[in-house]
Amino acid sequence: MAEFQVAIDGPAGSGKSTISKLIADKLKMTHIDTGAMYRAVTLIAIEKNIDLNDEKAYEFLESIYISYEHDRILVNDRDVTEEIRSKEVTNNVSLVSSFPYVRRKMVDLQKKAAENGRVIMDGRDIGTVVLPNANLKIFLTAKVEERAKRRQLEKIKKGHNVEFEKLVEEIQIRDQKDSTRKESPLKKADDAIEIDTTNLDINQVVEKIIGLINSAKGA
């Protein structure tokens, strides 16, 4: 397969990153999790103890480099893959990613990462902003309760016990923030194919998207 870009968007807990990684592994594509990049910015901002509400305070991005390599997120040469999943980062990433300056910096990195390769990139503005000319655009969605259930299972596997109702509330808040921000809001691209994963398991979604990829490249 020659140069080929797949854009996968969707709300929190829709399975974007997990599904994208599995597809990338099966098709020998490069997977880029853009959400992890915004989480990395949030982590560094928290560590620097800046005013998270001050867009100018994020100018530290001029002196650091964020990359996504082999499913690990790096800030310069530091692997922050596990640290970016903290509750504090989760609670603040929507705010951090809402600033035009932060998004412009990350979008530039994401566009460069997708150049000249077979890439599957997931996020919330990939099909609309980062890769508007992608060969295939997918918009994954699922009912809030199903997404909360998935998140709860993830937490339990990591040894954390979180109330289901709390997760539902957190996801609803995240959806509202992501879809109403002024800069690159979460929305389905006009030419994206929507897949509701509520009643599908991961393997079913993966096979469905692989079929769409094969159709898009004329296999």
Protein backbone atom coordinates (compact mmCIF):
# COMPACT_ATOMS: atom_id res chain seq x y z
CA MET A 1 0.00 0.00 0.00
CA ALA A 2 1.50 3.36 -1.08
CA GLU A 3 0.99 6.64 0.76
CA PHE A 4 -2.40 6.48 2.46
CA GLN A 5 -4.01 8.50 5.22
CA VAL A 6 -6.83 7.37 7.49
CA ALA A 7 -8.43 9.93 9.82
CA ILE A 8 -10.40 8.60 12.79
CA ASP A 9 -12.34 11.04 14.95
CA GLY A 10 -14.82 10.66 17.76
CA PRO A 11 -15.68 11.61 21.33
CA ALA A 12 -13.99 10.41 24.52
CA GLY A 13 -14.28 6.68 25.10
CA SER A 14 -15.34 5.79 21.57
CA GLY A 15 -12.33 3.49 21.17
CA LYS A 16 -10.39 5.62 18.67
CA SER A 17 -6.87 4.97 19.93
CA THR A 18 -7.27 1.27 20.73
CA ILE A 19 -8.89 0.56 17.37
CA SER A 20 -6.42 2.70 15.43
CA LYS A 21 -3.46 0.91 17.01
CA LEU A 22 -4.87 -2.52 16.18
CA ILE A 23 -5.50 -1.52 12.57
CA ALA A 24 -2.02 -0.01 12.28
CA ASP A 25 -0.47 -3.23 13.57
CA LYS A 26 -2.46 -5.38 11.15
CA LEU A 27 -1.79 -3.19 8.09
CA LYS A 28 1.75 -2.09 9.00
CA MET A 29 0.74 1.55 9.17
CA THR A 30 2.01 4.31 11.44
CA HIS A 31 -0.40 5.12 14.26
CA ILE A 32 -0.48 8.64 15.69
CA ASP A 33 -2.61 9.31 18.79
CA THR A 34 -3.08 13.09 18.75
CA GLY A 35 -4.97 13.06 22.04
CA ALA A 36 -1.79 11.84 23.71
CA MET A 37 0.02 14.87 22.32
CA TYR A 38 -2.44 17.27 23.96
CA ARG A 39 -2.19 15.30 27.18
CA ALA A 40 1.59 15.72 27.05
CA VAL A 41 1.21 19.49 26.75
CA THR A 42 -1.17 19.41 29.72
CA LEU A 43 1.26 17.35 31.81
CA ILE A 44 4.15 19.72 31.17
CA ALA A 45 1.96 22.76 31.85
CA ILE A 46 0.94 21.28 35.21
CA GLU A 47 4.55 20.42 36.07
CA LYS A 48 5.64 23.96 35.20
CA ASN A 49 2.88 25.26 37.46
CA ILE A 50 1.71 27.81 34.90
CA ASP A 51 -1.68 29.49 34.94
CA LEU A 52 -3.59 26.98 32.82
CA ASN A 53 -6.09 29.68 31.83
CA ASP A 54 -3.42 31.97 30.35
CA GLU A 55 -2.81 31.14 26.70
CA LYS A 56 0.48 33.09 26.65
CA ALA A 57 1.85 30.83 29.38
CA TYR A 58 2.02 27.96 26.87
CA GLU A 59 4.90 29.57 24.99
CA PHE A 60 7.09 26.92 26.61
CA LEU A 61 6.06 24.87 23.56
CA GLU A 62 8.65 26.85 21.59
CA SER A 63 11.42 25.11 23.53
CA ILE A 64 10.18 21.51 23.75
CA TYR A 65 9.48 18.82 21.17
CA ILE A 66 6.57 16.41 21.41
CA SER A 67 6.56 13.26 19.32
CA TYR A 68 4.57 10.04 19.11
CA GLU A 69 6.75 7.05 18.34
CA HIS A 70 5.88 3.35 18.44
CA ASP A 71 2.81 4.04 20.57
CA ARG A 72 4.87 5.98 23.12
CA ILE A 73 4.51 9.72 23.67
CA LEU A 74 7.76 11.60 24.20
CA VAL A 75 8.53 15.11 25.41
CA ASN A 76 12.02 15.70 24.07
CA ASP A 77 13.56 12.34 25.06
CA ARG A 78 11.34 11.70 28.08
CA ASP A 79 8.70 8.96 27.85
CA VAL A 80 5.51 10.31 29.46
CA THR A 81 3.13 7.64 28.17
CA GLU A 82 1.93 6.57 31.61
CA GLU A 83 2.04 9.97 33.30
CA ILE A 84 -0.34 11.61 30.81
CA ARG A 85 -3.16 9.31 31.96
CA SER A 86 -3.34 10.84 35.44
CA LYS A 87 -6.64 12.21 36.69
CA GLU A 88 -5.21 15.74 36.89
CA VAL A 89 -4.23 15.64 33.23
CA THR A 90 -7.60 14.16 32.25
CA ASN A 91 -9.45 16.91 34.09
CA ASN A 92 -7.49 19.69 32.39
CA VAL A 93 -6.74 18.50 28.86
CA SER A 94 -9.96 19.93 27.39
CA LEU A 95 -9.03 23.39 28.68
CA VAL A 96 -5.45 23.16 27.45
CA SER A 97 -6.45 21.89 24.01
CA SER A 98 -9.00 24.68 23.58
CA PHE A 99 -6.36 27.39 23.10
CA PRO A 100 -5.71 28.37 19.44
CA TYR A 101 -1.95 28.70 20.07
CA VAL A 102 -1.68 25.18 21.51
CA ARG A 103 -3.78 23.68 18.72
CA ARG A 104 -1.77 25.42 15.99
CA LYS A 105 1.48 24.07 17.43
CA MET A 106 0.13 20.53 17.71
CA VAL A 107 -1.59 20.56 14.32
CA ASP A 108 1.70 21.58 12.67
CA LEU A 109 3.45 18.63 14.35
CA GLN A 110 0.63 16.28 13.37
CA LYS A 111 0.63 17.35 9.73
CA LYS A 112 4.38 16.84 9.50
CA ALA A 113 4.10 13.42 11.15
CA ALA A 114 1.59 12.35 8.49
CA GLU A 115 3.67 13.39 5.49
CA ASN A 116 4.83 10.76 3.02
CA GLY A 117 3.60 7.67 4.77
CA ARG A 118 0.87 5.17 5.51
CA VAL A 119 -0.72 6.80 8.52
CA ILE A 120 -3.74 6.19 10.70
CA MET A 121 -4.30 9.20 12.96
CA ASP A 122 -6.96 9.54 15.62
CA GLY A 123 -8.28 12.54 17.50
CA ARG A 124 -11.14 15.01 17.42
CA ASP A 125 -10.30 17.27 14.49
CA ILE A 126 -8.31 14.98 12.19
CA GLY A 127 -10.77 14.74 9.31
CA THR A 128 -11.80 18.39 9.57
CA VAL A 129 -8.50 20.18 10.31
CA VAL A 130 -5.36 18.04 10.44
CA LEU A 131 -5.92 15.72 7.46
CA PRO A 132 -8.81 17.26 5.50
CA ASN A 133 -7.71 15.37 2.37
CA ALA A 134 -7.33 11.98 4.03
CA ASN A 135 -8.08 8.98 1.81
CA LEU A 136 -10.59 7.71 4.35
CA LYS A 137 -12.36 9.45 7.24
CA ILE A 138 -14.11 7.59 10.03
CA PHE A 139 -16.20 9.06 12.85
CA LEU A 140 -16.55 6.62 15.75
CA THR A 141 -19.30 7.10 18.28
CA ALA A 142 -21.15 5.18 20.98
CA LYS A 143 -23.75 5.89 23.63
CA VAL A 144 -22.42 7.69 26.71
CA GLU A 145 -23.27 4.75 29.00
CA GLU A 146 -21.33 2.33 26.82
CA ARG A 147 -18.32 4.62 26.72
CA ALA A 148 -18.44 4.98 30.50
CA LYS A 149 -18.60 1.20 30.89
CA ARG A 150 -15.48 0.81 28.74
CA ARG A 151 -13.63 3.42 30.75
CA GLN A 152 -14.66 1.72 33.99
CA LEU A 153 -13.26 -1.61 32.76
CA GLU A 154 -10.00 0.10 31.81
CA LYS A 155 -9.76 1.63 35.28
CA ILE A 156 -10.50 -1.69 37.00
CA LYS A 157 -7.77 -3.42 34.98
CA LYS A 158 -5.34 -0.82 36.27
CA GLY A 159 -6.46 -1.36 39.84
CA HIS A 160 -8.65 1.72 40.16
CA ASN A 161 -12.26 1.63 41.27
CA VAL A 162 -14.33 4.51 39.82
CA GLU A 163 -18.07 4.94 40.18
CA PHE A 164 -19.97 4.39 36.93
CA GLU A 165 -22.16 7.47 37.43
CA LYS A 166 -19.04 9.60 37.93
CA LEU A 167 -17.57 8.40 34.65
CA VAL A 168 -20.84 9.13 32.81
CA GLU A 169 -20.76 12.67 34.18
CA GLU A 170 -17.09 13.17 33.26
CA ILE A 171 -17.66 11.97 29.70
CA GLN A 172 -20.71 14.19 29.25
CA ILE A 173 -18.73 17.19 30.44
CA ARG A 174 -15.83 16.31 28.11
CA ASP A 175 -18.22 15.94 25.15
CA GLN A 176 -19.72 19.33 25.85
CA LYS A 177 -16.32 21.02 26.11
CA ASP A 178 -14.93 19.34 22.99
CA SER A 179 -17.93 20.03 20.77
CA THR A 180 -18.42 23.68 21.78
CA ARG A 181 -14.86 25.03 21.85
CA LYS A 182 -14.19 27.78 19.29
CA GLU A 183 -10.96 26.33 17.96
CA SER A 184 -11.34 23.09 15.98
CA PRO A 185 -14.39 21.68 17.78
CA LEU A 186 -15.22 17.99 17.71
CA LYS A 187 -17.48 17.36 14.74
CA LYS A 188 -17.99 14.81 12.02
CA ALA A 189 -16.44 15.73 8.67
CA ASP A 190 -18.99 15.95 5.86
CA ASP A 191 -17.33 13.06 4.00
CA ALA A 192 -16.65 10.88 7.05
CA ILE A 193 -18.26 7.48 7.52
CA GLU A 194 -19.94 7.24 10.93
CA ILE A 195 -19.71 3.98 12.86
CA ASP A 196 -21.72 3.48 16.04
CA THR A 197 -19.71 1.04 18.15
CA THR A 198 -22.23 0.72 20.99
CA ASN A 199 -23.16 -2.86 20.08
CA LEU A 200 -19.90 -3.86 18.41
CA ASP A 201 -16.81 -5.38 19.97
CA ILE A 202 -13.33 -4.09 19.14
CA ASN A 203 -12.56 -6.82 16.61
CA GLN A 204 -15.79 -6.16 14.72
CA VAL A 205 -14.96 -2.47 14.46
CA VAL A 206 -11.39 -3.19 13.38
CA GLU A 207 -12.52 -5.57 10.63
CA LYS A 208 -15.19 -3.13 9.47
CA ILE A 209 -12.67 -0.31 9.11
CA ILE A 210 -10.08 -2.54 7.43
CA GLY A 211 -12.78 -3.41 4.89
CA LEU A 212 -13.40 0.30 4.29
CA ILE A 213 -9.66 0.90 3.89
CA ASN A 214 -9.40 -1.89 1.32
CA SER A 215 -12.38 -0.45 -0.57
CA ALA A 216 -10.91 3.05 -0.47
CA LYS A 217 -7.62 1.90 -1.97
CA GLY A 218 -9.35 -0.26 -4.55
CA ALA A 219 -8.30 -3.63 -3.17
